[in-house]
Amino acid sequence: MRIDLLLGLAVGTLLAGCSSSHQLSAGGERVTFTDQQPGSDCQLLGNVTGSRATG
């Protein structure tokens, strides 16, 4: 019984973490991820490191 309760809490926490009310900016909506090499007309602007603000 206690394991069922802990499992239920864990699943609920994971599902709550996946739902987000944050809206992306117009620029953020255009961000894409790819594993292909960029074309010759592209240039490296720099490295990006991200983090998530808590609160």
PDB file of N, CA and C in Angstrom:
ATOM      1  N   MET A   1       0.831  -1.198   0.000  1.00  0.00           N
ATOM      2  CA  MET A   1       0.000   0.000   0.000  1.00  0.00           C
ATOM      3  C   MET A   1       0.872   1.257   0.000  1.00  0.00           C
ATOM      4  N   ARG A   2       1.931   1.266   0.797  1.00  0.00           N
ATOM      5  CA  ARG A   2       2.796   2.434   0.880  1.00  0.00           C
ATOM      6  C   ARG A   2       3.564   2.638  -0.425  1.00  0.00           C
ATOM      7  N   ILE A   3       3.961   1.543  -1.068  1.00  0.00           N
ATOM      8  CA  ILE A   3       4.669   1.642  -2.341  1.00  0.00           C
ATOM      9  C   ILE A   3       3.741   2.239  -3.402  1.00  0.00           C
ATOM     10  N   ASP A   4       2.463   1.846  -3.388  1.00  0.00           N
ATOM     11  CA  ASP A   4       1.499   2.406  -4.335  1.00  0.00           C
ATOM     12  C   ASP A   4       1.364   3.912  -4.151  1.00  0.00           C
ATOM     13  N   LEU A   5       1.345   4.361  -2.926  1.00  0.00           N
ATOM     14  CA  LEU A   5       1.232   5.784  -2.640  1.00  0.00           C
ATOM     15  C   LEU A   5       2.469   6.525  -3.135  1.00  0.00           C
ATOM     16  N   LEU A   6       3.647   5.988  -2.858  1.00  0.00           N
ATOM     17  CA  LEU A   6       4.887   6.627  -3.302  1.00  0.00           C
ATOM     18  C   LEU A   6       4.984   6.646  -4.825  1.00  0.00           C
ATOM     19  N   LEU A   7       4.583   5.556  -5.462  1.00  0.00           N
ATOM     20  CA  LEU A   7       4.600   5.496  -6.909  1.00  0.00           C
ATOM     21  C   LEU A   7       3.628   6.513  -7.504  1.00  0.00           C
ATOM     22  N   GLY A   8       2.459   6.624  -6.907  1.00  0.00           N
ATOM     23  CA  GLY A   8       1.478   7.609  -7.365  1.00  0.00           C
ATOM     24  C   GLY A   8       1.986   9.033  -7.232  1.00  0.00           C
ATOM     25  N   LEU A   9       2.650   9.333  -6.121  1.00  0.00           N
ATOM     26  CA  LEU A   9       3.221  10.666  -5.926  1.00  0.00           C
ATOM     27  C   LEU A   9       4.332  10.946  -6.924  1.00  0.00           C
ATOM     28  N   ALA A  10       5.158   9.946  -7.182  1.00  0.00           N
ATOM     29  CA  ALA A  10       6.252  10.117  -8.138  1.00  0.00           C
ATOM     30  C   ALA A  10       5.711  10.383  -9.539  1.00  0.00           C
ATOM     31  N   VAL A  11       4.716   9.628  -9.962  1.00  0.00           N
ATOM     32  CA  VAL A  11       4.122   9.818 -11.288  1.00  0.00           C
ATOM     33  C   VAL A  11       3.445  11.186 -11.362  1.00  0.00           C
ATOM     34  N   GLY A  12       2.741  11.563 -10.328  1.00  0.00           N
ATOM     35  CA  GLY A  12       2.094  12.874 -10.307  1.00  0.00           C
ATOM     36  C   GLY A  12       3.094  14.013 -10.394  1.00  0.00           C
ATOM     37  N   THR A  13       4.200  13.872  -9.705  1.00  0.00           N
ATOM     38  CA  THR A  13       5.244  14.902  -9.734  1.00  0.00           C
ATOM     39  C   THR A  13       5.858  15.002 -11.117  1.00  0.00           C
ATOM     40  N   LEU A  14       6.126  13.861 -11.738  1.00  0.00           N
ATOM     41  CA  LEU A  14       6.700  13.873 -13.087  1.00  0.00           C
ATOM     42  C   LEU A  14       5.751  14.502 -14.094  1.00  0.00           C
ATOM     43  N   LEU A  15       4.485  14.169 -14.008  1.00  0.00           N
ATOM     44  CA  LEU A  15       3.514  14.745 -14.931  1.00  0.00           C
ATOM     45  C   LEU A  15       3.348  16.244 -14.714  1.00  0.00           C
ATOM     46  N   ALA A  16       3.388  16.672 -13.480  1.00  0.00           N
ATOM     47  CA  ALA A  16       3.269  18.107 -13.189  1.00  0.00           C
ATOM     48  C   ALA A  16       4.483  18.857 -13.717  1.00  0.00           C
ATOM     49  N   GLY A  17       5.644  18.227 -13.673  1.00  0.00           N
ATOM     50  CA  GLY A  17       6.854  18.862 -14.184  1.00  0.00           C
ATOM     51  C   GLY A  17       6.853  18.988 -15.690  1.00  0.00           C
ATOM     52  N   CYS A  18       6.151  18.102 -16.370  1.00  0.00           N
ATOM     53  CA  CYS A  18       6.104  18.143 -17.835  1.00  0.00           C
ATOM     54  C   CYS A  18       5.115  19.168 -18.350  1.00  0.00           C
ATOM     55  N   SER A  19       4.134  19.495 -17.559  1.00  0.00           N
ATOM     56  CA  SER A  19       3.180  20.509 -18.007  1.00  0.00           C
ATOM     57  C   SER A  19       3.729  21.875 -17.633  1.00  0.00           C
ATOM     58  N   SER A  20       3.732  22.762 -18.580  1.00  0.00           N
ATOM     59  CA  SER A  20       4.328  24.072 -18.352  1.00  0.00           C
ATOM     60  C   SER A  20       3.393  25.158 -18.855  1.00  0.00           C
ATOM     61  N   SER A  21       3.300  26.229 -18.113  1.00  0.00           N
ATOM     62  CA  SER A  21       2.478  27.352 -18.534  1.00  0.00           C
ATOM     63  C   SER A  21       3.336  28.473 -19.114  1.00  0.00           C
ATOM     64  N   HIS A  22       4.637  28.209 -19.294  1.00  0.00           N
ATOM     65  CA  HIS A  22       5.529  29.223 -19.849  1.00  0.00           C
ATOM     66  C   HIS A  22       5.309  29.359 -21.347  1.00  0.00           C
ATOM     67  N   GLN A  23       5.218  30.564 -21.821  1.00  0.00           N
ATOM     68  CA  GLN A  23       5.041  30.831 -23.243  1.00  0.00           C
ATOM     69  C   GLN A  23       6.383  31.243 -23.838  1.00  0.00           C
ATOM     70  N   LEU A  24       6.675  30.724 -25.017  1.00  0.00           N
ATOM     71  CA  LEU A  24       7.906  31.086 -25.707  1.00  0.00           C
ATOM     72  C   LEU A  24       7.753  32.437 -26.377  1.00  0.00           C
ATOM     73  N   SER A  25       8.869  33.149 -26.474  1.00  0.00           N
ATOM     74  CA  SER A  25       8.870  34.395 -27.233  1.00  0.00           C
ATOM     75  C   SER A  25       8.830  34.061 -28.722  1.00  0.00           C
ATOM     76  N   ALA A  26       8.644  35.073 -29.550  1.00  0.00           N
ATOM     77  CA  ALA A  26       8.601  34.849 -31.000  1.00  0.00           C
ATOM     78  C   ALA A  26       9.923  34.252 -31.479  1.00  0.00           C
ATOM     79  N   GLY A  27      11.038  34.739 -30.946  1.00  0.00           N
ATOM     80  CA  GLY A  27      12.340  34.180 -31.312  1.00  0.00           C
ATOM     81  C   GLY A  27      12.514  32.772 -30.799  1.00  0.00           C
ATOM     82  N   GLY A  28      11.999  32.499 -29.613  1.00  0.00           N
ATOM     83  CA  GLY A  28      12.112  31.166 -29.036  1.00  0.00           C
ATOM     84  C   GLY A  28      11.325  30.122 -29.796  1.00  0.00           C
ATOM     85  N   GLU A  29      10.226  30.541 -30.405  1.00  0.00           N
ATOM     86  CA  GLU A  29       9.426  29.612 -31.198  1.00  0.00           C
ATOM     87  C   GLU A  29      10.128  29.198 -32.482  1.00  0.00           C
ATOM     88  N   ARG A  30      11.099  29.988 -32.930  1.00  0.00           N
ATOM     89  CA  ARG A  30      11.808  29.673 -34.172  1.00  0.00           C
ATOM     90  C   ARG A  30      13.047  28.813 -33.950  1.00  0.00           C
ATOM     91  N   VAL A  31      13.394  28.532 -32.714  1.00  0.00           N
ATOM     92  CA  VAL A  31      14.575  27.713 -32.416  1.00  0.00           C
ATOM     93  C   VAL A  31      14.299  26.269 -32.810  1.00  0.00           C
ATOM     94  N   THR A  32      15.236  25.677 -33.514  1.00  0.00           N
ATOM     95  CA  THR A  32      15.127  24.273 -33.903  1.00  0.00           C
ATOM     96  C   THR A  32      16.412  23.548 -33.554  1.00  0.00           C
ATOM     97  N   PHE A  33      16.322  22.248 -33.370  1.00  0.00           N
ATOM     98  CA  PHE A  33      17.478  21.409 -33.106  1.00  0.00           C
ATOM     99  C   PHE A  33      17.645  20.466 -34.279  1.00  0.00           C
ATOM    100  N   THR A  34      18.880  20.238 -34.667  1.00  0.00           N
ATOM    101  CA  THR A  34      19.148  19.364 -35.797  1.00  0.00           C
ATOM    102  C   THR A  34      20.466  18.639 -35.584  1.00  0.00           C
ATOM    103  N   ASP A  35      20.620  17.526 -36.262  1.00  0.00           N
ATOM    104  CA  ASP A  35      21.890  16.807 -36.206  1.00  0.00           C
ATOM    105  C   ASP A  35      22.599  16.868 -37.557  1.00  0.00           C
ATOM    106  N   GLN A  36      22.130  17.748 -38.444  1.00  0.00           N
ATOM    107  CA  GLN A  36      22.736  17.905 -39.763  1.00  0.00           C
ATOM    108  C   GLN A  36      23.705  19.071 -39.756  1.00  0.00           C
ATOM    109  N   GLN A  37      24.707  18.997 -40.623  1.00  0.00           N
ATOM    110  CA  GLN A  37      25.675  20.080 -40.752  1.00  0.00           C
ATOM    111  C   GLN A  37      25.001  21.304 -41.364  1.00  0.00           C
ATOM    112  N   PRO A  38      25.344  22.506 -40.898  1.00  0.00           N
ATOM    113  CA  PRO A  38      24.747  23.715 -41.472  1.00  0.00           C
ATOM    114  C   PRO A  38      25.263  23.955 -42.892  1.00  0.00           C
ATOM    115  N   GLY A  39      24.514  24.731 -43.651  1.00  0.00           N
ATOM    116  CA  GLY A  39      24.916  25.073 -45.006  1.00  0.00           C
ATOM    117  C   GLY A  39      26.099  26.026 -45.006  1.00  0.00           C
ATOM    118  N   SER A  40      26.696  26.215 -46.162  1.00  0.00           N
ATOM    119  CA  SER A  40      27.881  27.074 -46.277  1.00  0.00           C
ATOM    120  C   SER A  40      27.543  28.547 -46.038  1.00  0.00           C
ATOM    121  N   ASP A  41      26.274  28.913 -46.119  1.00  0.00           N
ATOM    122  CA  ASP A  41      25.882  30.300 -45.888  1.00  0.00           C
ATOM    123  C   ASP A  41      25.670  30.620 -44.407  1.00  0.00           C
ATOM    124  N   CYS A  42      25.863  29.634 -43.532  1.00  0.00           N
ATOM    125  CA  CYS A  42      25.706  29.848 -42.086  1.00  0.00           C
ATOM    126  C   CYS A  42      27.044  30.155 -41.432  1.00  0.00           C
ATOM    127  N   GLN A  43      27.003  30.877 -40.332  1.00  0.00           N
ATOM    128  CA  GLN A  43      28.221  31.149 -39.575  1.00  0.00           C
ATOM    129  C   GLN A  43      27.950  30.945 -38.100  1.00  0.00           C
ATOM    130  N   LEU A  44      28.974  30.486 -37.375  1.00  0.00           N
ATOM    131  CA  LEU A  44      28.870  30.265 -35.941  1.00  0.00           C
ATOM    132  C   LEU A  44      28.842  31.614 -35.226  1.00  0.00           C
ATOM    133  N   LEU A  45      27.811  31.822 -34.431  1.00  0.00           N
ATOM    134  CA  LEU A  45      27.693  33.064 -33.662  1.00  0.00           C
ATOM    135  C   LEU A  45      28.207  32.897 -32.244  1.00  0.00           C
ATOM    136  N   GLY A  46      28.322  31.662 -31.772  1.00  0.00           N
ATOM    137  CA  GLY A  46      28.827  31.402 -30.428  1.00  0.00           C
ATOM    138  C   GLY A  46      28.138  30.195 -29.837  1.00  0.00           C
ATOM    139  N   ASN A  47      28.638  29.766 -28.694  1.00  0.00           N
ATOM    140  CA  ASN A  47      28.060  28.635 -27.983  1.00  0.00           C
ATOM    141  C   ASN A  47      26.927  29.110 -27.074  1.00  0.00           C
ATOM    142  N   VAL A  48      25.988  28.239 -26.830  1.00  0.00           N
ATOM    143  CA  VAL A  48      24.835  28.564 -25.996  1.00  0.00           C
ATOM    144  C   VAL A  48      24.767  27.594 -24.835  1.00  0.00           C
ATOM    145  N   THR A  49      24.549  28.126 -23.642  1.00  0.00           N
ATOM    146  CA  THR A  49      24.323  27.312 -22.455  1.00  0.00           C
ATOM    147  C   THR A  49      23.000  27.761 -21.856  1.00  0.00           C
ATOM    148  N   GLY A  50      22.130  26.804 -21.587  1.00  0.00           N
ATOM    149  CA  GLY A  50      20.819  27.151 -21.061  1.00  0.00           C
ATOM    150  C   GLY A  50      20.632  26.690 -19.632  1.00  0.00           C
ATOM    151  N   SER A  51      19.682  27.290 -18.977  1.00  0.00           N
ATOM    152  CA  SER A  51      19.296  26.881 -17.641  1.00  0.00           C
ATOM    153  C   SER A  51      17.818  27.224 -17.468  1.00  0.00           C
ATOM    154  N   ARG A  52      17.235  26.611 -16.501  1.00  0.00           N
ATOM    155  CA  ARG A  52      15.818  26.864 -16.231  1.00  0.00           C
ATOM    156  C   ARG A  52      15.702  27.601 -14.911  1.00  0.00           C
ATOM    157  N   ALA A  53      15.019  28.708 -14.945  1.00  0.00           N
ATOM    158  CA  ALA A  53      14.794  29.471 -13.726  1.00  0.00           C
ATOM    159  C   ALA A  53      13.759  28.758 -12.875  1.00  0.00           C
ATOM    160  N   THR A  54      13.998  28.717 -11.584  1.00  0.00           N
ATOM    161  CA  THR A  54      13.035  28.089 -10.680  1.00  0.00           C
ATOM    162  C   THR A  54      12.193  29.167 -10.041  1.00  0.00           C
ATOM    163  N   GLY A  55      10.998  28.791  -9.720  1.00  0.00           N
ATOM    164  CA  GLY A  55      10.177  29.764  -9.016  1.00  0.00           C
ATOM    165  C   GLY A  55       8.815  29.868  -9.468  1.00  0.00           C
TER     166      GLY A  55
END
